[in-house]
Amino acid sequence: MKKILVIEDEKNISSFVKMELQFEGYNVVIKEDGKSGLYEAIKESYDLILLDLMLPELNGLEVCRRLKREKDTPIIMLSARDSVMDKVTGLQTGADDYIAKPFAIEELLARIQVVFRRQGEANLKEIKIKDIKVCKESRIVKKGDKEINLTNKEYELLLYLIENKDKVISRYSLLENIWGYDYEAETNVVDVYIRYLRNKLDSENKEEYIQTVRSVGYVMRS
């Protein structure tokens, strides 16, 4: 079930939106001011945020700006201000979409579905864990904003571990899936390449990203 955070101070709107979204099968949480909404958005994991522009304590633009520094959670901005410049400002601040009040619930639901569809398409091309991002199309790996240069086998090993995140993968399985069934080298080739990856990904903590499970294999935990 997808989780949606609604940051909206008009109770009649937030209650109506919550009821409709729950009817559609979404898990919905309401926050009524910008400060508590920002805290909730950073603390918890949400699939989408519906963010009012005019909020007490912290306005929607500032909430959006601060949140995008921490997370890439999709945001649909809601506002009674519907001028072109208002929309442009909202989108430039980091919002994924902008819908003017009053709005039909059917339009809002359609906009939400578009955001989730885009997200799904992007996830097919890109995979992340912590601050490591792998673009499958270009085979580019980044740690934060820094590109990490990997050999083909290092890339394949990293991708396999990320795609199986939170699962402990045995050395034999890694050898079989990355080097192939007929690979006759000793299994310590896996350990060697894990060390290569750690040297390129980690700074001081050599198990920050790839953890060793003694006598079994390795795991990348989200």
N, C-alpha and C. Protein backbone atom coordinates (compact mmCIF):
# COMPACT_ATOMS: atom_id res chain seq x y z
N MET A 1 0.85 -1.20 0.00
CA MET A 1 0.00 0.00 0.00
C MET A 1 0.89 1.25 0.00
N LYS A 2 0.66 2.14 -0.97
CA LYS A 2 1.47 3.36 -1.05
C LYS A 2 1.05 4.36 0.02
N LYS A 3 2.06 5.06 0.57
CA LYS A 3 1.82 6.02 1.64
C LYS A 3 1.89 7.44 1.08
N ILE A 4 0.89 8.24 1.40
CA ILE A 4 0.85 9.63 0.94
C ILE A 4 0.75 10.55 2.16
N LEU A 5 1.61 11.55 2.20
CA LEU A 5 1.56 12.57 3.25
C LEU A 5 0.89 13.81 2.68
N VAL A 6 -0.16 14.28 3.35
CA VAL A 6 -0.88 15.48 2.94
C VAL A 6 -0.54 16.59 3.94
N ILE A 7 0.12 17.65 3.47
CA ILE A 7 0.44 18.79 4.33
C ILE A 7 -0.48 19.93 3.90
N GLU A 8 -1.54 20.12 4.68
CA GLU A 8 -2.63 21.03 4.30
C GLU A 8 -3.29 21.56 5.56
N ASP A 9 -3.41 22.90 5.67
CA ASP A 9 -3.97 23.47 6.90
C ASP A 9 -5.48 23.68 6.83
N GLU A 10 -6.08 23.56 5.67
CA GLU A 10 -7.54 23.68 5.56
C GLU A 10 -8.16 22.31 5.83
N LYS A 11 -8.79 22.17 6.99
CA LYS A 11 -9.26 20.86 7.43
C LYS A 11 -10.33 20.27 6.51
N ASN A 12 -11.16 21.12 5.94
CA ASN A 12 -12.20 20.58 5.06
C ASN A 12 -11.58 19.95 3.81
N ILE A 13 -10.48 20.54 3.33
CA ILE A 13 -9.80 19.99 2.15
C ILE A 13 -9.04 18.72 2.53
N SER A 14 -8.26 18.78 3.62
CA SER A 14 -7.45 17.62 4.01
C SER A 14 -8.33 16.42 4.35
N SER A 15 -9.45 16.65 5.02
CA SER A 15 -10.35 15.54 5.38
C SER A 15 -10.97 14.90 4.14
N PHE A 16 -11.38 15.76 3.20
CA PHE A 16 -11.98 15.25 1.96
C PHE A 16 -10.96 14.46 1.14
N VAL A 17 -9.75 15.03 1.00
CA VAL A 17 -8.71 14.36 0.23
C VAL A 17 -8.33 13.04 0.89
N LYS A 18 -8.20 13.04 2.21
CA LYS A 18 -7.85 11.81 2.92
C LYS A 18 -8.90 10.73 2.68
N MET A 19 -10.18 11.09 2.78
CA MET A 19 -11.25 10.13 2.59
C MET A 19 -11.20 9.52 1.19
N GLU A 20 -11.00 10.38 0.18
CA GLU A 20 -10.97 9.91 -1.21
C GLU A 20 -9.75 9.03 -1.48
N LEU A 21 -8.61 9.42 -0.93
CA LEU A 21 -7.38 8.65 -1.16
C LEU A 21 -7.46 7.30 -0.46
N GLN A 22 -8.02 7.28 0.73
CA GLN A 22 -8.18 6.01 1.43
C GLN A 22 -9.13 5.09 0.69
N PHE A 23 -10.16 5.67 0.09
CA PHE A 23 -11.10 4.88 -0.72
C PHE A 23 -10.39 4.24 -1.90
N GLU A 24 -9.36 4.94 -2.43
CA GLU A 24 -8.58 4.42 -3.56
C GLU A 24 -7.50 3.44 -3.12
N GLY A 25 -7.38 3.23 -1.80
CA GLY A 25 -6.44 2.23 -1.31
C GLY A 25 -5.11 2.77 -0.83
N TYR A 26 -4.99 4.09 -0.66
CA TYR A 26 -3.74 4.67 -0.19
C TYR A 26 -3.75 4.80 1.34
N ASN A 27 -2.57 4.73 1.93
CA ASN A 27 -2.39 5.00 3.35
C ASN A 27 -2.08 6.50 3.48
N VAL A 28 -2.86 7.24 4.24
CA VAL A 28 -2.75 8.70 4.24
C VAL A 28 -2.48 9.23 5.65
N VAL A 29 -1.53 10.17 5.73
CA VAL A 29 -1.23 10.88 6.98
C VAL A 29 -1.40 12.37 6.71
N ILE A 30 -2.01 13.08 7.66
CA ILE A 30 -2.25 14.52 7.53
C ILE A 30 -1.38 15.31 8.50
N LYS A 31 -0.77 16.38 8.02
CA LYS A 31 -0.10 17.36 8.86
C LYS A 31 -0.62 18.74 8.47
N GLU A 32 -0.81 19.61 9.48
CA GLU A 32 -1.54 20.86 9.23
C GLU A 32 -0.67 22.11 9.21
N ASP A 33 0.64 21.96 9.34
CA ASP A 33 1.52 23.13 9.21
C ASP A 33 2.84 22.70 8.58
N GLY A 34 3.57 23.67 8.05
CA GLY A 34 4.78 23.36 7.31
C GLY A 34 5.87 22.74 8.15
N LYS A 35 6.02 23.20 9.38
CA LYS A 35 7.10 22.71 10.23
C LYS A 35 6.92 21.23 10.58
N SER A 36 5.73 20.87 11.06
CA SER A 36 5.49 19.47 11.42
C SER A 36 5.44 18.59 10.18
N GLY A 37 4.96 19.17 9.06
CA GLY A 37 4.93 18.41 7.81
C GLY A 37 6.32 18.07 7.32
N LEU A 38 7.23 19.04 7.39
CA LEU A 38 8.62 18.81 6.96
C LEU A 38 9.27 17.76 7.84
N TYR A 39 9.07 17.87 9.15
CA TYR A 39 9.66 16.90 10.08
C TYR A 39 9.15 15.49 9.77
N GLU A 40 7.85 15.37 9.53
CA GLU A 40 7.26 14.06 9.24
C GLU A 40 7.80 13.50 7.93
N ALA A 41 7.94 14.36 6.92
CA ALA A 41 8.41 13.92 5.60
C ALA A 41 9.85 13.43 5.64
N ILE A 42 10.66 14.06 6.48
CA ILE A 42 12.07 13.65 6.59
C ILE A 42 12.20 12.41 7.46
N LYS A 43 11.42 12.34 8.53
CA LYS A 43 11.52 11.24 9.49
C LYS A 43 11.01 9.93 8.92
N GLU A 44 9.87 9.98 8.22
CA GLU A 44 9.24 8.77 7.71
C GLU A 44 9.43 8.65 6.19
N SER A 45 9.12 7.48 5.69
CA SER A 45 9.24 7.23 4.25
C SER A 45 7.85 7.28 3.60
N TYR A 46 7.70 8.16 2.60
CA TYR A 46 6.43 8.31 1.88
C TYR A 46 6.66 8.15 0.38
N ASP A 47 5.63 7.65 -0.30
CA ASP A 47 5.70 7.50 -1.75
C ASP A 47 5.37 8.79 -2.47
N LEU A 48 4.63 9.69 -1.80
CA LEU A 48 4.21 10.95 -2.42
C LEU A 48 3.80 11.93 -1.33
N ILE A 49 4.02 13.23 -1.61
CA ILE A 49 3.58 14.28 -0.68
C ILE A 49 2.70 15.26 -1.44
N LEU A 50 1.51 15.52 -0.89
CA LEU A 50 0.65 16.58 -1.39
C LEU A 50 0.89 17.79 -0.49
N LEU A 51 1.40 18.87 -1.06
CA LEU A 51 1.91 19.98 -0.26
C LEU A 51 1.20 21.28 -0.61
N ASP A 52 0.49 21.85 0.37
CA ASP A 52 -0.15 23.15 0.18
C ASP A 52 0.92 24.24 0.13
N LEU A 53 0.67 25.26 -0.67
CA LEU A 53 1.65 26.35 -0.80
C LEU A 53 1.60 27.29 0.40
N MET A 54 0.39 27.68 0.81
CA MET A 54 0.24 28.64 1.91
C MET A 54 -0.01 27.89 3.21
N LEU A 55 1.05 27.77 4.01
CA LEU A 55 0.97 27.02 5.26
C LEU A 55 1.45 27.87 6.43
N PRO A 56 0.93 27.64 7.62
CA PRO A 56 1.46 28.33 8.81
C PRO A 56 2.83 27.78 9.19
N GLU A 57 3.62 28.63 9.84
CA GLU A 57 4.95 28.30 10.37
C GLU A 57 6.04 28.18 9.31
N LEU A 58 5.75 27.48 8.22
CA LEU A 58 6.72 27.31 7.14
C LEU A 58 5.94 27.13 5.85
N ASN A 59 6.17 28.02 4.86
CA ASN A 59 5.36 27.92 3.65
C ASN A 59 5.77 26.73 2.78
N GLY A 60 4.91 26.38 1.85
CA GLY A 60 5.12 25.21 1.02
C GLY A 60 6.40 25.23 0.20
N LEU A 61 6.77 26.41 -0.32
CA LEU A 61 8.00 26.51 -1.11
C LEU A 61 9.21 26.17 -0.25
N GLU A 62 9.24 26.67 0.98
CA GLU A 62 10.37 26.40 1.86
C GLU A 62 10.41 24.94 2.29
N VAL A 63 9.22 24.37 2.54
CA VAL A 63 9.15 22.95 2.87
C VAL A 63 9.72 22.12 1.72
N CYS A 64 9.29 22.44 0.51
CA CYS A 64 9.74 21.73 -0.69
C CYS A 64 11.25 21.86 -0.84
N ARG A 65 11.75 23.08 -0.70
CA ARG A 65 13.18 23.35 -0.87
C ARG A 65 14.02 22.55 0.12
N ARG A 66 13.60 22.57 1.38
CA ARG A 66 14.37 21.87 2.42
C ARG A 66 14.27 20.36 2.27
N LEU A 67 13.08 19.89 1.92
CA LEU A 67 12.88 18.44 1.78
C LEU A 67 13.72 17.87 0.65
N LYS A 68 13.80 18.60 -0.46
CA LYS A 68 14.54 18.09 -1.62
C LYS A 68 16.05 18.02 -1.36
N ARG A 69 16.52 18.71 -0.32
CA ARG A 69 17.93 18.57 0.06
C ARG A 69 18.18 17.22 0.72
N GLU A 70 17.12 16.65 1.32
CA GLU A 70 17.25 15.42 2.09
C GLU A 70 16.77 14.17 1.34
N LYS A 71 15.69 14.33 0.58
CA LYS A 71 15.07 13.18 -0.07
C LYS A 71 14.58 13.55 -1.46
N ASP A 72 14.28 12.52 -2.26
CA ASP A 72 13.72 12.78 -3.59
C ASP A 72 12.26 12.33 -3.68
N THR A 73 11.55 12.37 -2.55
CA THR A 73 10.13 12.00 -2.53
C THR A 73 9.35 12.90 -3.49
N PRO A 74 8.53 12.34 -4.38
CA PRO A 74 7.73 13.16 -5.30
C PRO A 74 6.78 14.09 -4.54
N ILE A 75 6.62 15.30 -5.06
CA ILE A 75 5.75 16.30 -4.43
C ILE A 75 4.78 16.87 -5.46
N ILE A 76 3.49 16.87 -5.12
CA ILE A 76 2.49 17.61 -5.90
C ILE A 76 2.09 18.81 -5.06
N MET A 77 2.30 20.00 -5.58
CA MET A 77 1.99 21.21 -4.83
C MET A 77 0.55 21.63 -5.09
N LEU A 78 -0.16 22.01 -4.02
CA LEU A 78 -1.55 22.46 -4.11
C LEU A 78 -1.60 23.94 -3.74
N SER A 79 -2.32 24.73 -4.56
CA SER A 79 -2.37 26.16 -4.24
C SER A 79 -3.54 26.85 -4.91
N ALA A 80 -4.08 27.86 -4.21
CA ALA A 80 -5.12 28.70 -4.80
C ALA A 80 -4.52 29.69 -5.77
N ARG A 81 -3.20 29.85 -5.72
CA ARG A 81 -2.51 30.76 -6.63
C ARG A 81 -2.15 29.99 -7.90
N ASP A 82 -2.77 30.39 -9.01
CA ASP A 82 -2.61 29.59 -10.23
C ASP A 82 -2.00 30.37 -11.39
N SER A 83 -1.27 31.44 -11.11
CA SER A 83 -0.62 32.16 -12.20
C SER A 83 0.53 31.32 -12.76
N VAL A 84 0.94 31.63 -13.96
CA VAL A 84 2.04 30.90 -14.59
C VAL A 84 3.30 30.98 -13.74
N MET A 85 3.60 32.17 -13.21
CA MET A 85 4.82 32.35 -12.42
C MET A 85 4.77 31.55 -11.12
N ASP A 86 3.58 31.46 -10.51
CA ASP A 86 3.45 30.65 -9.29
C ASP A 86 3.77 29.19 -9.60
N LYS A 87 3.24 28.70 -10.71
CA LYS A 87 3.50 27.32 -11.11
C LYS A 87 4.97 27.10 -11.43
N VAL A 88 5.56 28.03 -12.15
CA VAL A 88 6.97 27.93 -12.51
C VAL A 88 7.84 27.91 -11.24
N THR A 89 7.52 28.80 -10.30
CA THR A 89 8.29 28.86 -9.05
C THR A 89 8.19 27.55 -8.29
N GLY A 90 6.98 27.00 -8.20
CA GLY A 90 6.80 25.72 -7.50
C GLY A 90 7.58 24.60 -8.14
N LEU A 91 7.54 24.53 -9.47
CA LEU A 91 8.26 23.47 -10.18
C LEU A 91 9.77 23.65 -10.08
N GLN A 92 10.23 24.89 -10.15
CA GLN A 92 11.66 25.16 -10.04
C GLN A 92 12.19 24.85 -8.64
N THR A 93 11.33 24.97 -7.64
CA THR A 93 11.73 24.67 -6.27
C THR A 93 11.91 23.18 -6.05
N GLY A 94 11.30 22.37 -6.91
CA GLY A 94 11.46 20.92 -6.80
C GLY A 94 10.20 20.11 -6.86
N ALA A 95 9.04 20.79 -6.95
CA ALA A 95 7.77 20.05 -7.05
C ALA A 95 7.71 19.28 -8.36
N ASP A 96 7.08 18.12 -8.33
CA ASP A 96 6.93 17.30 -9.53
C ASP A 96 5.70 17.68 -10.33
N ASP A 97 4.73 18.31 -9.67
CA ASP A 97 3.52 18.76 -10.34
C ASP A 97 2.89 19.87 -9.50
N TYR A 98 1.95 20.58 -10.09
CA TYR A 98 1.33 21.74 -9.44
C TYR A 98 -0.13 21.75 -9.86
N ILE A 99 -1.04 21.75 -8.88
CA ILE A 99 -2.46 21.76 -9.20
C ILE A 99 -3.15 22.89 -8.44
N ALA A 100 -3.95 23.66 -9.16
CA ALA A 100 -4.60 24.84 -8.57
C ALA A 100 -5.90 24.45 -7.87
N LYS A 101 -6.16 25.12 -6.74
CA LYS A 101 -7.43 24.98 -6.03
C LYS A 101 -8.43 25.98 -6.62
N PRO A 102 -9.71 25.64 -6.64
CA PRO A 102 -10.27 24.33 -6.28
C PRO A 102 -10.02 23.33 -7.40
N PHE A 103 -9.87 22.07 -7.05
CA PHE A 103 -9.61 21.04 -8.05
C PHE A 103 -10.64 19.91 -7.91
N ALA A 104 -10.88 19.23 -9.00
CA ALA A 104 -11.75 18.04 -8.96
C ALA A 104 -10.92 16.88 -8.45
N ILE A 105 -11.49 16.06 -7.60
CA ILE A 105 -10.74 14.94 -7.03
C ILE A 105 -10.27 13.99 -8.13
N GLU A 106 -11.05 13.90 -9.22
CA GLU A 106 -10.65 13.03 -10.33
C GLU A 106 -9.34 13.51 -10.95
N GLU A 107 -9.20 14.84 -11.05
CA GLU A 107 -7.95 15.38 -11.60
C GLU A 107 -6.78 15.07 -10.67
N LEU A 108 -6.97 15.27 -9.37
CA LEU A 108 -5.91 14.99 -8.41
C LEU A 108 -5.49 13.52 -8.48
N LEU A 109 -6.46 12.62 -8.52
CA LEU A 109 -6.16 11.19 -8.60
C LEU A 109 -5.40 10.85 -9.87
N ALA A 110 -5.77 11.50 -10.96
CA ALA A 110 -5.08 11.27 -12.23
C ALA A 110 -3.64 11.76 -12.16
N ARG A 111 -3.43 12.94 -11.55
CA ARG A 111 -2.07 13.48 -11.39
C ARG A 111 -1.22 12.55 -10.53
N ILE A 112 -1.82 12.02 -9.47
CA ILE A 112 -1.09 11.09 -8.59
C ILE A 112 -0.66 9.85 -9.37
N GLN A 113 -1.56 9.31 -10.18
CA GLN A 113 -1.25 8.12 -10.96
C GLN A 113 -0.12 8.39 -11.95
N VAL A 114 -0.11 9.59 -12.54
CA VAL A 114 0.96 9.95 -13.48
C VAL A 114 2.31 9.98 -12.77
N VAL A 115 2.34 10.58 -11.57
CA VAL A 115 3.59 10.64 -10.79
C VAL A 115 4.09 9.24 -10.47
N PHE A 116 3.20 8.36 -10.04
CA PHE A 116 3.59 6.99 -9.71
C PHE A 116 4.04 6.22 -10.96
N ARG A 117 3.40 6.50 -12.10
CA ARG A 117 3.80 5.83 -13.33
C ARG A 117 5.20 6.27 -13.75
N ARG A 118 5.46 7.58 -13.65
CA ARG A 118 6.81 8.08 -13.96
C ARG A 118 7.85 7.46 -13.04
N GLN A 119 7.49 7.37 -11.77
CA GLN A 119 8.39 6.81 -10.77
C GLN A 119 8.72 5.36 -11.11
N GLY A 120 7.70 4.61 -11.51
CA GLY A 120 7.91 3.22 -11.88
C GLY A 120 8.80 3.07 -13.09
N GLU A 121 8.62 3.95 -14.08
CA GLU A 121 9.45 3.91 -15.28
C GLU A 121 10.90 4.25 -14.94
N ALA A 122 11.08 5.23 -14.06
CA ALA A 122 12.43 5.63 -13.66
C ALA A 122 13.12 4.51 -12.89
N ASN A 123 12.36 3.80 -12.05
CA ASN A 123 12.94 2.74 -11.25
C ASN A 123 13.44 1.57 -12.08
N LEU A 124 12.85 1.40 -13.28
CA LEU A 124 13.32 0.35 -14.16
C LEU A 124 14.69 0.66 -14.73
N LYS A 125 15.01 1.95 -14.85
CA LYS A 125 16.27 2.38 -15.44
C LYS A 125 17.33 2.70 -14.40
N GLU A 126 16.90 2.93 -13.18
CA GLU A 126 17.81 3.40 -12.14
C GLU A 126 17.54 2.65 -10.85
N ILE A 127 18.59 2.31 -10.15
CA ILE A 127 18.44 1.59 -8.89
C ILE A 127 19.32 2.26 -7.85
N LYS A 128 18.80 2.34 -6.60
CA LYS A 128 19.52 3.06 -5.54
C LYS A 128 19.59 2.24 -4.28
N ILE A 129 20.62 2.51 -3.50
CA ILE A 129 20.70 2.02 -2.13
C ILE A 129 21.55 3.03 -1.35
N LYS A 130 20.99 3.54 -0.25
CA LYS A 130 21.64 4.61 0.50
C LYS A 130 21.98 5.74 -0.48
N ASP A 131 23.25 6.18 -0.56
CA ASP A 131 23.58 7.26 -1.49
C ASP A 131 24.27 6.74 -2.75
N ILE A 132 24.15 5.42 -3.00
CA ILE A 132 24.71 4.82 -4.20
C ILE A 132 23.60 4.71 -5.25
N LYS A 133 23.86 5.22 -6.44
CA LYS A 133 22.87 5.18 -7.51
C LYS A 133 23.49 4.56 -8.76
N VAL A 134 22.77 3.61 -9.36
CA VAL A 134 23.25 2.93 -10.56
C VAL A 134 22.26 3.19 -11.69
N CYS A 135 22.75 3.76 -12.77
CA CYS A 135 21.93 3.95 -13.98
C CYS A 135 22.19 2.77 -14.91
N LYS A 136 21.18 1.93 -15.12
CA LYS A 136 21.38 0.72 -15.90
C LYS A 136 21.66 0.99 -17.38
N GLU A 137 21.04 2.05 -17.92
CA GLU A 137 21.21 2.35 -19.34
C GLU A 137 22.64 2.77 -19.66
N SER A 138 23.19 3.66 -18.83
CA SER A 138 24.53 4.19 -19.09
C SER A 138 25.62 3.43 -18.35
N ARG A 139 25.20 2.57 -17.39
CA ARG A 139 26.13 1.83 -16.53
C ARG A 139 26.98 2.78 -15.69
N ILE A 140 26.44 3.95 -15.40
CA ILE A 140 27.14 4.93 -14.56
C ILE A 140 26.75 4.69 -13.10
N VAL A 141 27.75 4.68 -12.24
CA VAL A 141 27.54 4.50 -10.80
C VAL A 141 27.99 5.78 -10.10
N LYS A 142 27.12 6.29 -9.21
CA LYS A 142 27.45 7.50 -8.46
C LYS A 142 27.28 7.27 -6.97
N LYS A 143 28.18 7.86 -6.21
CA LYS A 143 28.05 7.93 -4.76
C LYS A 143 27.80 9.39 -4.44
N GLY A 144 26.56 9.73 -4.10
CA GLY A 144 26.19 11.14 -4.01
C GLY A 144 26.28 11.75 -5.40
N ASP A 145 27.06 12.81 -5.54
CA ASP A 145 27.24 13.45 -6.84
C ASP A 145 28.52 13.00 -7.54
N LYS A 146 29.30 12.14 -6.89
CA LYS A 146 30.59 11.73 -7.43
C LYS A 146 30.46 10.43 -8.22
N GLU A 147 30.95 10.42 -9.46
CA GLU A 147 30.91 9.22 -10.27
C GLU A 147 32.01 8.26 -9.84
N ILE A 148 31.67 6.97 -9.73
CA ILE A 148 32.61 5.93 -9.34
C ILE A 148 32.95 5.09 -10.57
N ASN A 149 34.22 4.99 -10.90
CA ASN A 149 34.65 4.20 -12.06
C ASN A 149 34.83 2.74 -11.68
N LEU A 150 34.05 1.87 -12.31
CA LEU A 150 34.11 0.44 -12.02
C LEU A 150 34.44 -0.35 -13.28
N THR A 151 35.10 -1.49 -13.09
CA THR A 151 35.30 -2.41 -14.20
C THR A 151 33.97 -3.12 -14.47
N ASN A 152 33.90 -3.86 -15.57
CA ASN A 152 32.66 -4.56 -15.91
C ASN A 152 32.23 -5.53 -14.81
N LYS A 153 33.18 -6.31 -14.28
CA LYS A 153 32.84 -7.29 -13.24
C LYS A 153 32.46 -6.60 -11.94
N GLU A 154 33.14 -5.52 -11.60
CA GLU A 154 32.78 -4.76 -10.41
C GLU A 154 31.37 -4.22 -10.53
N TYR A 155 31.04 -3.69 -11.70
CA TYR A 155 29.69 -3.16 -11.95
C TYR A 155 28.65 -4.27 -11.82
N GLU A 156 28.88 -5.41 -12.45
CA GLU A 156 27.92 -6.51 -12.42
C GLU A 156 27.73 -7.03 -11.00
N LEU A 157 28.83 -7.11 -10.24
CA LEU A 157 28.75 -7.57 -8.86
C LEU A 157 27.95 -6.59 -8.00
N LEU A 158 28.23 -5.30 -8.15
CA LEU A 158 27.49 -4.28 -7.39
C LEU A 158 26.01 -4.30 -7.74
N LEU A 159 25.70 -4.35 -9.03
CA LEU A 159 24.30 -4.36 -9.47
C LEU A 159 23.56 -5.57 -8.90
N TYR A 160 24.20 -6.73 -8.93
CA TYR A 160 23.56 -7.95 -8.42
C TYR A 160 23.29 -7.83 -6.92
N LEU A 161 24.24 -7.29 -6.18
CA LEU A 161 24.05 -7.12 -4.74
C LEU A 161 22.93 -6.13 -4.43
N ILE A 162 22.87 -5.03 -5.20
CA ILE A 162 21.83 -4.03 -4.95
C ILE A 162 20.46 -4.58 -5.32
N GLU A 163 20.37 -5.29 -6.44
CA GLU A 163 19.09 -5.85 -6.86
C GLU A 163 18.59 -6.91 -5.87
N ASN A 164 19.52 -7.46 -5.08
CA ASN A 164 19.15 -8.44 -4.05
C ASN A 164 19.39 -7.88 -2.65
N LYS A 165 19.18 -6.56 -2.51
CA LYS A 165 19.45 -5.91 -1.23
C LYS A 165 18.66 -6.56 -0.10
N ASP A 166 19.29 -6.59 1.07
CA ASP A 166 18.73 -7.17 2.30
C ASP A 166 18.69 -8.70 2.26
N LYS A 167 19.21 -9.31 1.19
CA LYS A 167 19.34 -10.76 1.13
C LYS A 167 20.81 -11.14 1.25
N VAL A 168 21.10 -12.13 2.07
CA VAL A 168 22.47 -12.60 2.19
C VAL A 168 22.75 -13.52 1.00
N ILE A 169 23.75 -13.15 0.21
CA ILE A 169 24.10 -13.91 -1.00
C ILE A 169 25.39 -14.69 -0.74
N SER A 170 25.35 -15.98 -0.98
CA SER A 170 26.54 -16.80 -0.73
C SER A 170 27.63 -16.51 -1.77
N ARG A 171 28.86 -16.84 -1.41
CA ARG A 171 29.97 -16.67 -2.35
C ARG A 171 29.74 -17.51 -3.60
N TYR A 172 29.21 -18.73 -3.40
CA TYR A 172 28.96 -19.60 -4.55
C TYR A 172 27.93 -18.98 -5.50
N SER A 173 26.87 -18.40 -4.94
CA SER A 173 25.84 -17.77 -5.79
C SER A 173 26.42 -16.60 -6.56
N LEU A 174 27.25 -15.81 -5.90
CA LEU A 174 27.88 -14.68 -6.59
C LEU A 174 28.81 -15.18 -7.69
N LEU A 175 29.57 -16.21 -7.41
CA LEU A 175 30.48 -16.78 -8.40
C LEU A 175 29.69 -17.30 -9.60
N GLU A 176 28.61 -17.98 -9.31
CA GLU A 176 27.77 -18.59 -10.35
C GLU A 176 27.10 -17.53 -11.22
N ASN A 177 26.56 -16.48 -10.58
CA ASN A 177 25.78 -15.48 -11.32
C ASN A 177 26.64 -14.42 -12.00
N ILE A 178 27.79 -14.10 -11.46
CA ILE A 178 28.63 -13.05 -12.04
C ILE A 178 29.69 -13.62 -12.97
N TRP A 179 30.31 -14.75 -12.57
CA TRP A 179 31.39 -15.30 -13.38
C TRP A 179 30.95 -16.48 -14.25
N GLY A 180 29.79 -17.06 -13.95
CA GLY A 180 29.25 -18.11 -14.79
C GLY A 180 29.50 -19.51 -14.24
N TYR A 181 28.70 -20.46 -14.70
CA TYR A 181 28.76 -21.83 -14.21
C TYR A 181 30.12 -22.49 -14.46
N ASP A 182 30.76 -22.15 -15.57
CA ASP A 182 31.98 -22.85 -15.96
C ASP A 182 33.24 -22.17 -15.46
N TYR A 183 33.07 -21.15 -14.64
CA TYR A 183 34.25 -20.45 -14.14
C TYR A 183 34.99 -21.34 -13.14
N GLU A 184 36.28 -21.62 -13.41
CA GLU A 184 37.00 -22.62 -12.63
C GLU A 184 37.92 -22.03 -11.57
N ALA A 185 37.95 -20.70 -11.47
CA ALA A 185 38.83 -20.08 -10.47
C ALA A 185 38.33 -20.39 -9.06
N GLU A 186 39.22 -20.24 -8.10
CA GLU A 186 38.83 -20.46 -6.72
C GLU A 186 37.82 -19.40 -6.28
N THR A 187 37.01 -19.76 -5.30
CA THR A 187 35.94 -18.86 -4.89
C THR A 187 36.45 -17.58 -4.25
N ASN A 188 37.74 -17.49 -3.94
CA ASN A 188 38.23 -16.25 -3.33
C ASN A 188 38.25 -15.09 -4.33
N VAL A 189 37.95 -15.36 -5.61
CA VAL A 189 37.83 -14.26 -6.57
C VAL A 189 36.70 -13.33 -6.14
N VAL A 190 35.66 -13.89 -5.52
CA VAL A 190 34.55 -13.07 -5.02
C VAL A 190 35.05 -12.13 -3.94
N ASP A 191 35.81 -12.66 -3.00
CA ASP A 191 36.34 -11.84 -1.90
C ASP A 191 37.25 -10.73 -2.44
N VAL A 192 38.03 -11.07 -3.45
CA VAL A 192 38.92 -10.08 -4.06
C VAL A 192 38.12 -8.94 -4.66
N TYR A 193 37.06 -9.26 -5.40
CA TYR A 193 36.27 -8.22 -6.05
C TYR A 193 35.42 -7.44 -5.05
N ILE A 194 35.00 -8.09 -3.98
CA ILE A 194 34.30 -7.36 -2.91
C ILE A 194 35.25 -6.32 -2.32
N ARG A 195 36.51 -6.71 -2.14
CA ARG A 195 37.49 -5.76 -1.61
C ARG A 195 37.70 -4.58 -2.57
N TYR A 196 37.77 -4.88 -3.87
CA TYR A 196 37.89 -3.81 -4.86
C TYR A 196 36.74 -2.83 -4.74
N LEU A 197 35.50 -3.38 -4.66
CA LEU A 197 34.31 -2.53 -4.56
C LEU A 197 34.34 -1.68 -3.29
N ARG A 198 34.69 -2.30 -2.19
CA ARG A 198 34.73 -1.56 -0.93
C ARG A 198 35.73 -0.41 -1.00
N ASN A 199 36.87 -0.67 -1.59
CA ASN A 199 37.88 0.39 -1.70
C ASN A 199 37.38 1.57 -2.51
N LYS A 200 36.50 1.31 -3.47
CA LYS A 200 35.98 2.38 -4.32
C LYS A 200 34.74 3.05 -3.73
N LEU A 201 33.95 2.30 -2.98
CA LEU A 201 32.70 2.84 -2.44
C LEU A 201 32.85 3.43 -1.04
N ASP A 202 33.62 2.75 -0.21
CA ASP A 202 33.69 3.13 1.20
C ASP A 202 34.87 4.05 1.47
N SER A 203 34.74 4.80 2.54
CA SER A 203 35.83 5.67 2.96
C SER A 203 36.57 5.00 4.12
N GLU A 204 36.12 5.23 5.33
CA GLU A 204 36.78 4.65 6.50
C GLU A 204 36.18 3.30 6.89
N ASN A 205 34.84 3.23 6.88
CA ASN A 205 34.16 2.00 7.27
C ASN A 205 34.05 1.07 6.08
N LYS A 206 34.84 0.02 6.04
CA LYS A 206 34.89 -0.87 4.89
C LYS A 206 33.66 -1.77 4.75
N GLU A 207 32.76 -1.75 5.73
CA GLU A 207 31.52 -2.53 5.60
C GLU A 207 30.31 -1.61 5.65
N GLU A 208 30.51 -0.36 5.29
CA GLU A 208 29.38 0.59 5.30
C GLU A 208 28.33 0.19 4.28
N TYR A 209 28.75 -0.31 3.13
CA TYR A 209 27.82 -0.65 2.06
C TYR A 209 27.68 -2.17 1.89
N ILE A 210 28.78 -2.87 1.82
CA ILE A 210 28.74 -4.33 1.63
C ILE A 210 29.19 -4.99 2.93
N GLN A 211 28.28 -5.71 3.55
CA GLN A 211 28.58 -6.33 4.84
C GLN A 211 28.90 -7.82 4.67
N THR A 212 29.84 -8.29 5.45
CA THR A 212 30.21 -9.70 5.44
C THR A 212 29.35 -10.47 6.43
N VAL A 213 28.79 -11.57 5.98
CA VAL A 213 28.09 -12.49 6.87
C VAL A 213 28.99 -13.71 7.02
N ARG A 214 29.59 -13.84 8.17
CA ARG A 214 30.63 -14.84 8.38
C ARG A 214 30.19 -16.25 7.98
N SER A 215 31.06 -16.90 7.22
CA SER A 215 30.88 -18.28 6.75
C SER A 215 29.77 -18.45 5.72
N VAL A 216 29.15 -17.33 5.30
CA VAL A 216 28.05 -17.43 4.32
C VAL A 216 28.37 -16.62 3.06
N GLY A 217 28.43 -15.31 3.19
CA GLY A 217 28.64 -14.49 2.00
C GLY A 217 28.55 -13.01 2.32
N TYR A 218 27.78 -12.29 1.49
CA TYR A 218 27.72 -10.83 1.60
C TYR A 218 26.29 -10.34 1.45
N VAL A 219 26.07 -9.10 1.95
CA VAL A 219 24.74 -8.48 1.86
C VAL A 219 24.90 -6.98 1.80
N MET A 220 24.04 -6.32 1.03
CA MET A 220 23.91 -4.88 1.05
C MET A 220 22.56 -4.56 1.68
N ARG A 221 22.59 -3.85 2.80
CA ARG A 221 21.36 -3.56 3.53
C ARG A 221 20.89 -2.14 3.23
N SER A 222 19.59 -1.98 3.02
CA SER A 222 19.03 -0.67 2.69
C SER A 222 18.83 0.16 3.94
